[in-house]
Amino acid sequence: MTVTASIDSSRPVATLINVFTVAPERQQELVALLAHATEATIKHQPGFICANFHISQDGERVVNYAQWESEQHYRAMLANPEARVHMDQAATIATDVQPRLFEVRSTHGRA
């Protein structure tokens, strides 16, 4: 079963938005690494819901929009040595990494 992001302000999830700054020639390499890490390790961690990777058109950013059941689940993944290996590899490709946790407050769409 594939789970995709469901943005719903009434659903209490921890939303990770992680912005990676990267040299344009390494953007695809970073996306491939993050996708592999997610499939191999991250998605098997307790509390993981989904991860989505977005690339900027100028090639200088990769954004990871991920959802976890709780902040505690996210923090437990950060402490997992197996997951840490992948995050450390991503940090060698990116020139800056800025992870932040958010709560959805408002959603809007066309009916």
PDB file of N, CA and C in Angstrom:
ATOM      1  N   MET A   1       0.839  -1.173   0.000  1.00  0.00           N
ATOM      2  CA  MET A   1       0.000   0.000   0.000  1.00  0.00           C
ATOM      3  C   MET A   1       0.892   1.247   0.000  1.00  0.00           C
ATOM      4  N   THR A   2       0.612   2.167  -0.871  1.00  0.00           N
ATOM      5  CA  THR A   2       1.329   3.432  -0.932  1.00  0.00           C
ATOM      6  C   THR A   2       0.555   4.482  -0.166  1.00  0.00           C
ATOM      7  N   VAL A   3       1.250   5.177   0.709  1.00  0.00           N
ATOM      8  CA  VAL A   3       0.640   6.254   1.469  1.00  0.00           C
ATOM      9  C   VAL A   3       1.208   7.568   0.926  1.00  0.00           C
ATOM     10  N   THR A   4       0.338   8.500   0.629  1.00  0.00           N
ATOM     11  CA  THR A   4       0.776   9.801   0.163  1.00  0.00           C
ATOM     12  C   THR A   4       0.430  10.846   1.210  1.00  0.00           C
ATOM     13  N   ALA A   5       1.023  12.018   1.058  1.00  0.00           N
ATOM     14  CA  ALA A   5       0.761  13.099   1.999  1.00  0.00           C
ATOM     15  C   ALA A   5      -0.703  13.495   1.936  1.00  0.00           C
ATOM     16  N   SER A   6      -1.269  13.663   3.091  1.00  0.00           N
ATOM     17  CA  SER A   6      -2.629  14.163   3.209  1.00  0.00           C
ATOM     18  C   SER A   6      -2.559  15.368   4.136  1.00  0.00           C
ATOM     19  N   ILE A   7      -2.744  16.540   3.570  1.00  0.00           N
ATOM     20  CA  ILE A   7      -2.610  17.757   4.363  1.00  0.00           C
ATOM     21  C   ILE A   7      -3.975  18.120   4.916  1.00  0.00           C
ATOM     22  N   ASP A   8      -4.096  17.977   6.232  1.00  0.00           N
ATOM     23  CA  ASP A   8      -5.383  18.142   6.905  1.00  0.00           C
ATOM     24  C   ASP A   8      -5.110  18.788   8.260  1.00  0.00           C
ATOM     25  N   SER A   9      -5.633  19.989   8.477  1.00  0.00           N
ATOM     26  CA  SER A   9      -5.347  20.705   9.725  1.00  0.00           C
ATOM     27  C   SER A   9      -5.977  20.051  10.950  1.00  0.00           C
ATOM     28  N   SER A  10      -6.901  19.114  10.760  1.00  0.00           N
ATOM     29  CA  SER A  10      -7.507  18.440  11.910  1.00  0.00           C
ATOM     30  C   SER A  10      -6.764  17.151  12.264  1.00  0.00           C
ATOM     31  N   ARG A  11      -5.772  16.799  11.480  1.00  0.00           N
ATOM     32  CA  ARG A  11      -5.010  15.565  11.694  1.00  0.00           C
ATOM     33  C   ARG A  11      -3.713  15.903  12.429  1.00  0.00           C
ATOM     34  N   PRO A  12      -3.524  15.396  13.620  1.00  0.00           N
ATOM     35  CA  PRO A  12      -2.345  15.766  14.411  1.00  0.00           C
ATOM     36  C   PRO A  12      -1.100  14.980  14.005  1.00  0.00           C
ATOM     37  N   VAL A  13      -0.387  15.460  13.002  1.00  0.00           N
ATOM     38  CA  VAL A  13       0.858  14.825  12.584  1.00  0.00           C
ATOM     39  C   VAL A  13       1.990  15.843  12.716  1.00  0.00           C
ATOM     40  N   ALA A  14       3.196  15.331  12.821  1.00  0.00           N
ATOM     41  CA  ALA A  14       4.378  16.188  12.794  1.00  0.00           C
ATOM     42  C   ALA A  14       4.812  16.290  11.339  1.00  0.00           C
ATOM     43  N   THR A  15       4.885  17.502  10.838  1.00  0.00           N
ATOM     44  CA  THR A  15       5.264  17.730   9.455  1.00  0.00           C
ATOM     45  C   THR A  15       6.696  18.242   9.416  1.00  0.00           C
ATOM     46  N   LEU A  16       7.555  17.500   8.732  1.00  0.00           N
ATOM     47  CA  LEU A  16       8.938  17.903   8.548  1.00  0.00           C
ATOM     48  C   LEU A  16       9.058  18.587   7.195  1.00  0.00           C
ATOM     49  N   ILE A  17       9.602  19.776   7.199  1.00  0.00           N
ATOM     50  CA  ILE A  17       9.974  20.437   5.956  1.00  0.00           C
ATOM     51  C   ILE A  17      11.470  20.681   6.068  1.00  0.00           C
ATOM     52  N   ASN A  18      12.222  19.989   5.228  1.00  0.00           N
ATOM     53  CA  ASN A  18      13.674  20.052   5.262  1.00  0.00           C
ATOM     54  C   ASN A  18      14.152  20.618   3.938  1.00  0.00           C
ATOM     55  N   VAL A  19      14.806  21.760   3.992  1.00  0.00           N
ATOM     56  CA  VAL A  19      15.294  22.419   2.781  1.00  0.00           C
ATOM     57  C   VAL A  19      16.798  22.186   2.680  1.00  0.00           C
ATOM     58  N   PHE A  20      17.191  21.543   1.593  1.00  0.00           N
ATOM     59  CA  PHE A  20      18.597  21.287   1.307  1.00  0.00           C
ATOM     60  C   PHE A  20      19.050  22.267   0.226  1.00  0.00           C
ATOM     61  N   THR A  21      20.170  22.929   0.446  1.00  0.00           N
ATOM     62  CA  THR A  21      20.789  23.740  -0.594  1.00  0.00           C
ATOM     63  C   THR A  21      21.872  22.874  -1.228  1.00  0.00           C
ATOM     64  N   VAL A  22      21.910  22.877  -2.548  1.00  0.00           N
ATOM     65  CA  VAL A  22      22.793  21.957  -3.258  1.00  0.00           C
ATOM     66  C   VAL A  22      23.293  22.609  -4.542  1.00  0.00           C
ATOM     67  N   ALA A  23      24.465  22.216  -4.988  1.00  0.00           N
ATOM     68  CA  ALA A  23      24.943  22.666  -6.294  1.00  0.00           C
ATOM     69  C   ALA A  23      24.032  22.046  -7.355  1.00  0.00           C
ATOM     70  N   PRO A  24      23.639  22.807  -8.360  1.00  0.00           N
ATOM     71  CA  PRO A  24      22.701  22.280  -9.365  1.00  0.00           C
ATOM     72  C   PRO A  24      23.126  20.943  -9.969  1.00  0.00           C
ATOM     73  N   GLU A  25      24.408  20.743 -10.168  1.00  0.00           N
ATOM     74  CA  GLU A  25      24.866  19.475 -10.772  1.00  0.00           C
ATOM     75  C   GLU A  25      24.749  18.291  -9.814  1.00  0.00           C
ATOM     76  N   ARG A  26      24.423  18.549  -8.548  1.00  0.00           N
ATOM     77  CA  ARG A  26      24.284  17.460  -7.569  1.00  0.00           C
ATOM     78  C   ARG A  26      22.841  17.276  -7.103  1.00  0.00           C
ATOM     79  N   GLN A  27      21.918  18.073  -7.642  1.00  0.00           N
ATOM     80  CA  GLN A  27      20.526  18.007  -7.206  1.00  0.00           C
ATOM     81  C   GLN A  27      19.938  16.604  -7.387  1.00  0.00           C
ATOM     82  N   GLN A  28      20.091  16.031  -8.554  1.00  0.00           N
ATOM     83  CA  GLN A  28      19.519  14.703  -8.813  1.00  0.00           C
ATOM     84  C   GLN A  28      20.188  13.632  -7.956  1.00  0.00           C
ATOM     85  N   GLU A  29      21.482  13.772  -7.709  1.00  0.00           N
ATOM     86  CA  GLU A  29      22.205  12.841  -6.838  1.00  0.00           C
ATOM     87  C   GLU A  29      21.609  12.854  -5.432  1.00  0.00           C
ATOM     88  N   LEU A  30      21.305  14.053  -4.933  1.00  0.00           N
ATOM     89  CA  LEU A  30      20.716  14.169  -3.600  1.00  0.00           C
ATOM     90  C   LEU A  30      19.322  13.552  -3.559  1.00  0.00           C
ATOM     91  N   VAL A  31      18.514  13.823  -4.565  1.00  0.00           N
ATOM     92  CA  VAL A  31      17.167  13.239  -4.610  1.00  0.00           C
ATOM     93  C   VAL A  31      17.258  11.713  -4.637  1.00  0.00           C
ATOM     94  N   ALA A  32      18.163  11.179  -5.426  1.00  0.00           N
ATOM     95  CA  ALA A  32      18.324   9.720  -5.503  1.00  0.00           C
ATOM     96  C   ALA A  32      18.741   9.145  -4.149  1.00  0.00           C
ATOM     97  N   LEU A  33      19.644   9.821  -3.465  1.00  0.00           N
ATOM     98  CA  LEU A  33      20.083   9.365  -2.152  1.00  0.00           C
ATOM     99  C   LEU A  33      18.933   9.401  -1.149  1.00  0.00           C
ATOM    100  N   LEU A  34      18.181  10.503  -1.135  1.00  0.00           N
ATOM    101  CA  LEU A  34      17.057  10.623  -0.198  1.00  0.00           C
ATOM    102  C   LEU A  34      15.978   9.589  -0.484  1.00  0.00           C
ATOM    103  N   ALA A  35      15.690   9.360  -1.754  1.00  0.00           N
ATOM    104  CA  ALA A  35      14.686   8.354  -2.118  1.00  0.00           C
ATOM    105  C   ALA A  35      15.141   6.962  -1.700  1.00  0.00           C
ATOM    106  N   HIS A  36      16.415   6.653  -1.943  1.00  0.00           N
ATOM    107  CA  HIS A  36      16.947   5.346  -1.542  1.00  0.00           C
ATOM    108  C   HIS A  36      16.903   5.194  -0.012  1.00  0.00           C
ATOM    109  N   ALA A  37      17.323   6.228   0.703  1.00  0.00           N
ATOM    110  CA  ALA A  37      17.315   6.176   2.169  1.00  0.00           C
ATOM    111  C   ALA A  37      15.900   5.947   2.693  1.00  0.00           C
ATOM    112  N   THR A  38      14.943   6.609   2.069  1.00  0.00           N
ATOM    113  CA  THR A  38      13.550   6.466   2.497  1.00  0.00           C
ATOM    114  C   THR A  38      13.067   5.045   2.269  1.00  0.00           C
ATOM    115  N   GLU A  39      13.325   4.506   1.097  1.00  0.00           N
ATOM    116  CA  GLU A  39      12.874   3.144   0.784  1.00  0.00           C
ATOM    117  C   GLU A  39      13.595   2.094   1.627  1.00  0.00           C
ATOM    118  N   ALA A  40      14.887   2.265   1.831  1.00  0.00           N
ATOM    119  CA  ALA A  40      15.689   1.253   2.531  1.00  0.00           C
ATOM    120  C   ALA A  40      15.530   1.296   4.043  1.00  0.00           C
ATOM    121  N   THR A  41      15.382   2.488   4.610  1.00  0.00           N
ATOM    122  CA  THR A  41      15.444   2.613   6.061  1.00  0.00           C
ATOM    123  C   THR A  41      14.323   3.445   6.667  1.00  0.00           C
ATOM    124  N   ILE A  42      14.188   4.675   6.205  1.00  0.00           N
ATOM    125  CA  ILE A  42      13.325   5.645   6.890  1.00  0.00           C
ATOM    126  C   ILE A  42      11.877   5.181   6.963  1.00  0.00           C
ATOM    127  N   LYS A  43      11.344   4.679   5.860  1.00  0.00           N
ATOM    128  CA  LYS A  43       9.923   4.317   5.870  1.00  0.00           C
ATOM    129  C   LYS A  43       9.610   3.124   6.766  1.00  0.00           C
ATOM    130  N   HIS A  44      10.627   2.441   7.231  1.00  0.00           N
ATOM    131  CA  HIS A  44      10.424   1.295   8.117  1.00  0.00           C
ATOM    132  C   HIS A  44      10.496   1.684   9.593  1.00  0.00           C
ATOM    133  N   GLN A  45      10.720   2.968   9.861  1.00  0.00           N
ATOM    134  CA  GLN A  45      10.804   3.439  11.239  1.00  0.00           C
ATOM    135  C   GLN A  45       9.397   3.636  11.801  1.00  0.00           C
ATOM    136  N   PRO A  46       9.200   3.334  13.083  1.00  0.00           N
ATOM    137  CA  PRO A  46       7.884   3.534  13.693  1.00  0.00           C
ATOM    138  C   PRO A  46       7.429   4.987  13.548  1.00  0.00           C
ATOM    139  N   GLY A  47       6.178   5.157  13.189  1.00  0.00           N
ATOM    140  CA  GLY A  47       5.591   6.481  13.105  1.00  0.00           C
ATOM    141  C   GLY A  47       5.741   7.172  11.762  1.00  0.00           C
ATOM    142  N   PHE A  48       6.510   6.586  10.849  1.00  0.00           N
ATOM    143  CA  PHE A  48       6.673   7.193   9.524  1.00  0.00           C
ATOM    144  C   PHE A  48       5.349   7.122   8.765  1.00  0.00           C
ATOM    145  N   ILE A  49       4.973   8.215   8.126  1.00  0.00           N
ATOM    146  CA  ILE A  49       3.770   8.234   7.297  1.00  0.00           C
ATOM    147  C   ILE A  49       4.142   8.347   5.824  1.00  0.00           C
ATOM    148  N   CYS A  50       4.894   9.388   5.464  1.00  0.00           N
ATOM    149  CA  CYS A  50       5.254   9.560   4.055  1.00  0.00           C
ATOM    150  C   CYS A  50       6.385  10.575   3.924  1.00  0.00           C
ATOM    151  N   ALA A  51       7.021  10.556   2.761  1.00  0.00           N
ATOM    152  CA  ALA A  51       8.037  11.554   2.418  1.00  0.00           C
ATOM    153  C   ALA A  51       7.857  11.907   0.955  1.00  0.00           C
ATOM    154  N   ASN A  52       8.065  13.169   0.651  1.00  0.00           N
ATOM    155  CA  ASN A  52       7.926  13.680  -0.711  1.00  0.00           C
ATOM    156  C   ASN A  52       9.110  14.593  -0.983  1.00  0.00           C
ATOM    157  N   PHE A  53       9.703  14.466  -2.155  1.00  0.00           N
ATOM    158  CA  PHE A  53      10.873  15.267  -2.487  1.00  0.00           C
ATOM    159  C   PHE A  53      10.538  16.190  -3.645  1.00  0.00           C
ATOM    160  N   HIS A  54      10.861  17.445  -3.457  1.00  0.00           N
ATOM    161  CA  HIS A  54      10.573  18.479  -4.453  1.00  0.00           C
ATOM    162  C   HIS A  54      11.901  19.106  -4.864  1.00  0.00           C
ATOM    163  N   ILE A  55      12.046  19.420  -6.148  1.00  0.00           N
ATOM    164  CA  ILE A  55      13.264  20.074  -6.623  1.00  0.00           C
ATOM    165  C   ILE A  55      12.921  21.463  -7.142  1.00  0.00           C
ATOM    166  N   SER A  56      13.809  22.409  -6.864  1.00  0.00           N
ATOM    167  CA  SER A  56      13.597  23.758  -7.383  1.00  0.00           C
ATOM    168  C   SER A  56      14.002  23.785  -8.855  1.00  0.00           C
ATOM    169  N   GLN A  57      13.366  24.632  -9.591  1.00  0.00           N
ATOM    170  CA  GLN A  57      13.644  24.720 -11.025  1.00  0.00           C
ATOM    171  C   GLN A  57      15.028  25.273 -11.310  1.00  0.00           C
ATOM    172  N   ASP A  58      15.605  26.019 -10.360  1.00  0.00           N
ATOM    173  CA  ASP A  58      16.957  26.532 -10.579  1.00  0.00           C
ATOM    174  C   ASP A  58      18.034  25.513 -10.216  1.00  0.00           C
ATOM    175  N   GLY A  59      17.624  24.351  -9.682  1.00  0.00           N
ATOM    176  CA  GLY A  59      18.561  23.284  -9.357  1.00  0.00           C
ATOM    177  C   GLY A  59      19.264  23.439  -8.024  1.00  0.00           C
ATOM    178  N   GLU A  60      18.974  24.497  -7.286  1.00  0.00           N
ATOM    179  CA  GLU A  60      19.721  24.799  -6.068  1.00  0.00           C
ATOM    180  C   GLU A  60      19.072  24.333  -4.770  1.00  0.00           C
ATOM    181  N   ARG A  61      17.887  23.768  -4.836  1.00  0.00           N
ATOM    182  CA  ARG A  61      17.217  23.329  -3.615  1.00  0.00           C
ATOM    183  C   ARG A  61      16.530  21.978  -3.834  1.00  0.00           C
ATOM    184  N   VAL A  62      16.488  21.213  -2.759  1.00  0.00           N
ATOM    185  CA  VAL A  62      15.659  20.017  -2.668  1.00  0.00           C
ATOM    186  C   VAL A  62      14.881  20.182  -1.374  1.00  0.00           C
ATOM    187  N   VAL A  63      13.587  19.984  -1.436  1.00  0.00           N
ATOM    188  CA  VAL A  63      12.750  20.096  -0.251  1.00  0.00           C
ATOM    189  C   VAL A  63      12.139  18.735   0.040  1.00  0.00           C
ATOM    190  N   ASN A  64      12.289  18.314   1.275  1.00  0.00           N
ATOM    191  CA  ASN A  64      11.658  17.086   1.748  1.00  0.00           C
ATOM    192  C   ASN A  64      10.460  17.498   2.592  1.00  0.00           C
ATOM    193  N   TYR A  65       9.268  17.120   2.136  1.00  0.00           N
ATOM    194  CA  TYR A  65       8.042  17.321   2.912  1.00  0.00           C
ATOM    195  C   TYR A  65       7.658  15.935   3.413  1.00  0.00           C
ATOM    196  N   ALA A  66       7.781  15.722   4.713  1.00  0.00           N
ATOM    197  CA  ALA A  66       7.509  14.398   5.284  1.00  0.00           C
ATOM    198  C   ALA A  66       6.533  14.517   6.443  1.00  0.00           C
ATOM    199  N   GLN A  67       5.835  13.428   6.699  1.00  0.00           N
ATOM    200  CA  GLN A  67       4.897  13.388   7.816  1.00  0.00           C
ATOM    201  C   GLN A  67       5.231  12.210   8.731  1.00  0.00           C
ATOM    202  N   TRP A  68       5.158  12.497  10.022  1.00  0.00           N
ATOM    203  CA  TRP A  68       5.371  11.506  11.077  1.00  0.00           C
ATOM    204  C   TRP A  68       4.169  11.544  12.008  1.00  0.00           C
ATOM    205  N   GLU A  69       3.873  10.414  12.628  1.00  0.00           N
ATOM    206  CA  GLU A  69       2.729  10.356  13.538  1.00  0.00           C
ATOM    207  C   GLU A  69       2.881  11.318  14.707  1.00  0.00           C
ATOM    208  N   SER A  70       4.127  11.576  15.114  1.00  0.00           N
ATOM    209  CA  SER A  70       4.366  12.505  16.230  1.00  0.00           C
ATOM    210  C   SER A  70       5.799  13.011  16.164  1.00  0.00           C
ATOM    211  N   GLU A  71       6.058  14.060  16.896  1.00  0.00           N
ATOM    212  CA  GLU A  71       7.424  14.559  17.000  1.00  0.00           C
ATOM    213  C   GLU A  71       8.333  13.507  17.639  1.00  0.00           C
ATOM    214  N   GLN A  72       7.800  12.750  18.593  1.00  0.00           N
ATOM    215  CA  GLN A  72       8.593  11.713  19.257  1.00  0.00           C
ATOM    216  C   GLN A  72       9.050  10.646  18.254  1.00  0.00           C
ATOM    217  N   HIS A  73       8.175  10.278  17.321  1.00  0.00           N
ATOM    218  CA  HIS A  73       8.569   9.302  16.294  1.00  0.00           C
ATOM    219  C   HIS A  73       9.688   9.868  15.418  1.00  0.00           C
ATOM    220  N   TYR A  74       9.558  11.116  15.042  1.00  0.00           N
ATOM    221  CA  TYR A  74      10.591  11.760  14.228  1.00  0.00           C
ATOM    222  C   TYR A  74      11.920  11.792  14.985  1.00  0.00           C
ATOM    223  N   ARG A  75      11.885  12.196  16.249  1.00  0.00           N
ATOM    224  CA  ARG A  75      13.118  12.276  17.051  1.00  0.00           C
ATOM    225  C   ARG A  75      13.747  10.894  17.252  1.00  0.00           C
ATOM    226  N   ALA A  76      12.928   9.867  17.397  1.00  0.00           N
ATOM    227  CA  ALA A  76      13.459   8.507  17.536  1.00  0.00           C
ATOM    228  C   ALA A  76      14.181   8.090  16.260  1.00  0.00           C
ATOM    229  N   MET A  77      13.637   8.450  15.104  1.00  0.00           N
ATOM    230  CA  MET A  77      14.309   8.138  13.847  1.00  0.00           C
ATOM    231  C   MET A  77      15.661   8.842  13.796  1.00  0.00           C
ATOM    232  N   LEU A  78      15.723  10.108  14.232  1.00  0.00           N
ATOM    233  CA  LEU A  78      16.991  10.836  14.223  1.00  0.00           C
ATOM    234  C   LEU A  78      18.057  10.149  15.067  1.00  0.00           C
ATOM    235  N   ALA A  79      17.626   9.474  16.125  1.00  0.00           N
ATOM    236  CA  ALA A  79      18.555   8.794  17.026  1.00  0.00           C
ATOM    237  C   ALA A  79      18.967   7.416  16.515  1.00  0.00           C
ATOM    238  N   ASN A  80      18.313   6.924  15.481  1.00  0.00           N
ATOM    239  CA  ASN A  80      18.606   5.595  14.945  1.00  0.00           C
ATOM    240  C   ASN A  80      19.890   5.650  14.113  1.00  0.00           C
ATOM    241  N   PRO A  81      20.924   4.881  14.492  1.00  0.00           N
ATOM    242  CA  PRO A  81      22.197   4.925  13.756  1.00  0.00           C
ATOM    243  C   PRO A  81      22.058   4.566  12.266  1.00  0.00           C
ATOM    244  N   GLU A  82      21.171   3.643  11.954  1.00  0.00           N
ATOM    245  CA  GLU A  82      20.984   3.247  10.556  1.00  0.00           C
ATOM    246  C   GLU A  82      20.431   4.419   9.734  1.00  0.00           C
ATOM    247  N   ALA A  83      19.492   5.135  10.286  1.00  0.00           N
ATOM    248  CA  ALA A  83      18.940   6.306   9.601  1.00  0.00           C
ATOM    249  C   ALA A  83      19.960   7.444   9.567  1.00  0.00           C
ATOM    250  N   ARG A  84      20.716   7.578  10.611  1.00  0.00           N
ATOM    251  CA  ARG A  84      21.720   8.651  10.721  1.00  0.00           C
ATOM    252  C   ARG A  84      22.751   8.572   9.590  1.00  0.00           C
ATOM    253  N   VAL A  85      23.136   7.358   9.208  1.00  0.00           N
ATOM    254  CA  VAL A  85      24.099   7.176   8.117  1.00  0.00           C
ATOM    255  C   VAL A  85      23.616   7.881   6.861  1.00  0.00           C
ATOM    256  N   HIS A  86      22.345   7.702   6.518  1.00  0.00           N
ATOM    257  CA  HIS A  86      21.793   8.321   5.314  1.00  0.00           C
ATOM    258  C   HIS A  86      21.753   9.842   5.436  1.00  0.00           C
ATOM    259  N   MET A  87      21.380  10.325   6.592  1.00  0.00           N
ATOM    260  CA  MET A  87      21.306  11.777   6.778  1.00  0.00           C
ATOM    261  C   MET A  87      22.691  12.406   6.701  1.00  0.00           C
ATOM    262  N   ASP A  88      23.687  11.702   7.241  1.00  0.00           N
ATOM    263  CA  ASP A  88      25.062  12.202   7.162  1.00  0.00           C
ATOM    264  C   ASP A  88      25.546  12.218   5.712  1.00  0.00           C
ATOM    265  N   GLN A  89      25.160  11.213   4.920  1.00  0.00           N
ATOM    266  CA  GLN A  89      25.526  11.193   3.501  1.00  0.00           C
ATOM    267  C   GLN A  89      24.889  12.371   2.765  1.00  0.00           C
ATOM    268  N   ALA A  90      23.633  12.659   3.062  1.00  0.00           N
ATOM    269  CA  ALA A  90      22.949  13.789   2.425  1.00  0.00           C
ATOM    270  C   ALA A  90      23.652  15.099   2.764  1.00  0.00           C
ATOM    271  N   ALA A  91      24.137  15.210   3.984  1.00  0.00           N
ATOM    272  CA  ALA A  91      24.816  16.427   4.414  1.00  0.00           C
ATOM    273  C   ALA A  91      26.148  16.627   3.691  1.00  0.00           C
ATOM    274  N   THR A  92      26.718  15.556   3.139  1.00  0.00           N
ATOM    275  CA  THR A  92      27.964  15.713   2.372  1.00  0.00           C
ATOM    276  C   THR A  92      27.682  16.196   0.955  1.00  0.00           C
ATOM    277  N   ILE A  93      26.464  16.018   0.469  1.00  0.00           N
ATOM    278  CA  ILE A  93      26.084  16.483  -0.870  1.00  0.00           C
ATOM    279  C   ILE A  93      25.556  17.913  -0.796  1.00  0.00           C
ATOM    280  N   ALA A  94      24.742  18.184   0.189  1.00  0.00           N
ATOM    281  CA  ALA A  94      24.141  19.514   0.351  1.00  0.00           C
ATOM    282  C   ALA A  94      25.147  20.474   0.982  1.00  0.00           C
ATOM    283  N   THR A  95      25.024  21.746   0.635  1.00  0.00           N
ATOM    284  CA  THR A  95      25.881  22.757   1.258  1.00  0.00           C
ATOM    285  C   THR A  95      25.222  23.354   2.499  1.00  0.00           C
ATOM    286  N   ASP A  96      23.911  23.132   2.644  1.00  0.00           N
ATOM    287  CA  ASP A  96      23.169  23.600   3.812  1.00  0.00           C
ATOM    288  C   ASP A  96      21.939  22.711   3.968  1.00  0.00           C
ATOM    289  N   VAL A  97      21.605  22.382   5.188  1.00  0.00           N
ATOM    290  CA  VAL A  97      20.437  21.555   5.483  1.00  0.00           C
ATOM    291  C   VAL A  97      19.656  22.245   6.590  1.00  0.00           C
ATOM    292  N   GLN A  98      18.357  22.479   6.356  1.00  0.00           N
ATOM    293  CA  GLN A  98      17.549  23.198   7.344  1.00  0.00           C
ATOM    294  C   GLN A  98      16.238  22.459   7.630  1.00  0.00           C
ATOM    295  N   PRO A  99      16.294  21.445   8.510  1.00  0.00           N
ATOM    296  CA  PRO A  99      15.066  20.734   8.877  1.00  0.00           C
ATOM    297  C   PRO A  99      14.284  21.502   9.938  1.00  0.00           C
ATOM    298  N   ARG A 100      12.968  21.528   9.781  1.00  0.00           N
ATOM    299  CA  ARG A 100      12.084  22.145  10.771  1.00  0.00           C
ATOM    300  C   ARG A 100      10.805  21.327  10.857  1.00  0.00           C
ATOM    301  N   LEU A 101      10.253  21.234  12.066  1.00  0.00           N
ATOM    302  CA  LEU A 101       8.958  20.584  12.259  1.00  0.00           C
ATOM    303  C   LEU A 101       7.868  21.643  12.281  1.00  0.00           C
ATOM    304  N   PHE A 102       6.742  21.310  11.653  1.00  0.00           N
ATOM    305  CA  PHE A 102       5.615  22.226  11.559  1.00  0.00           C
ATOM    306  C   PHE A 102       4.325  21.512  11.920  1.00  0.00           C
ATOM    307  N   GLU A 103       3.300  22.301  12.229  1.00  0.00           N
ATOM    308  CA  GLU A 103       1.925  21.818  12.387  1.00  0.00           C
ATOM    309  C   GLU A 103       1.086  22.498  11.326  1.00  0.00           C
ATOM    310  N   VAL A 104       0.209  21.760  10.701  1.00  0.00           N
ATOM    311  CA  VAL A 104      -0.686  22.348   9.703  1.00  0.00           C
ATOM    312  C   VAL A 104      -1.751  23.144  10.442  1.00  0.00           C
ATOM    313  N   ARG A 105      -1.924  24.384  10.094  1.00  0.00           N
ATOM    314  CA  ARG A 105      -2.925  25.252  10.723  1.00  0.00           C
ATOM    315  C   ARG A 105      -4.101  25.541   9.809  1.00  0.00           C
ATOM    316  N   SER A 106      -3.872  25.543   8.506  1.00  0.00           N
ATOM    317  CA  SER A 106      -4.937  25.925   7.600  1.00  0.00           C
ATOM    318  C   SER A 106      -4.654  25.321   6.234  1.00  0.00           C
ATOM    319  N   THR A 107      -5.666  24.787   5.602  1.00  0.00           N
ATOM    320  CA  THR A 107      -5.550  24.259   4.236  1.00  0.00           C
ATOM    321  C   THR A 107      -6.650  24.866   3.373  1.00  0.00           C
ATOM    322  N   HIS A 108      -6.345  25.029   2.107  1.00  0.00           N
ATOM    323  CA  HIS A 108      -7.305  25.648   1.171  1.00  0.00           C
ATOM    324  C   HIS A 108      -7.181  24.948  -0.169  1.00  0.00           C
ATOM    325  N   GLY A 109      -8.279  24.796  -0.828  1.00  0.00           N
ATOM    326  CA  GLY A 109      -8.279  24.181  -2.152  1.00  0.00           C
ATOM    327  C   GLY A 109      -9.515  24.560  -2.906  1.00  0.00           C
ATOM    328  N   ARG A 110      -9.496  24.236  -4.148  1.00  0.00           N
ATOM    329  CA  ARG A 110     -10.657  24.498  -4.978  1.00  0.00           C
ATOM    330  C   ARG A 110     -11.632  23.351  -4.835  1.00  0.00           C
ATOM    331  N   ALA A 111     -12.864  23.675  -4.646  1.00  0.00           N
ATOM    332  CA  ALA A 111     -13.900  22.642  -4.459  1.00  0.00           C
ATOM    333  C   ALA A 111     -14.237  21.970  -5.769  1.00  0.00           C
TER     334      ALA A 111
END
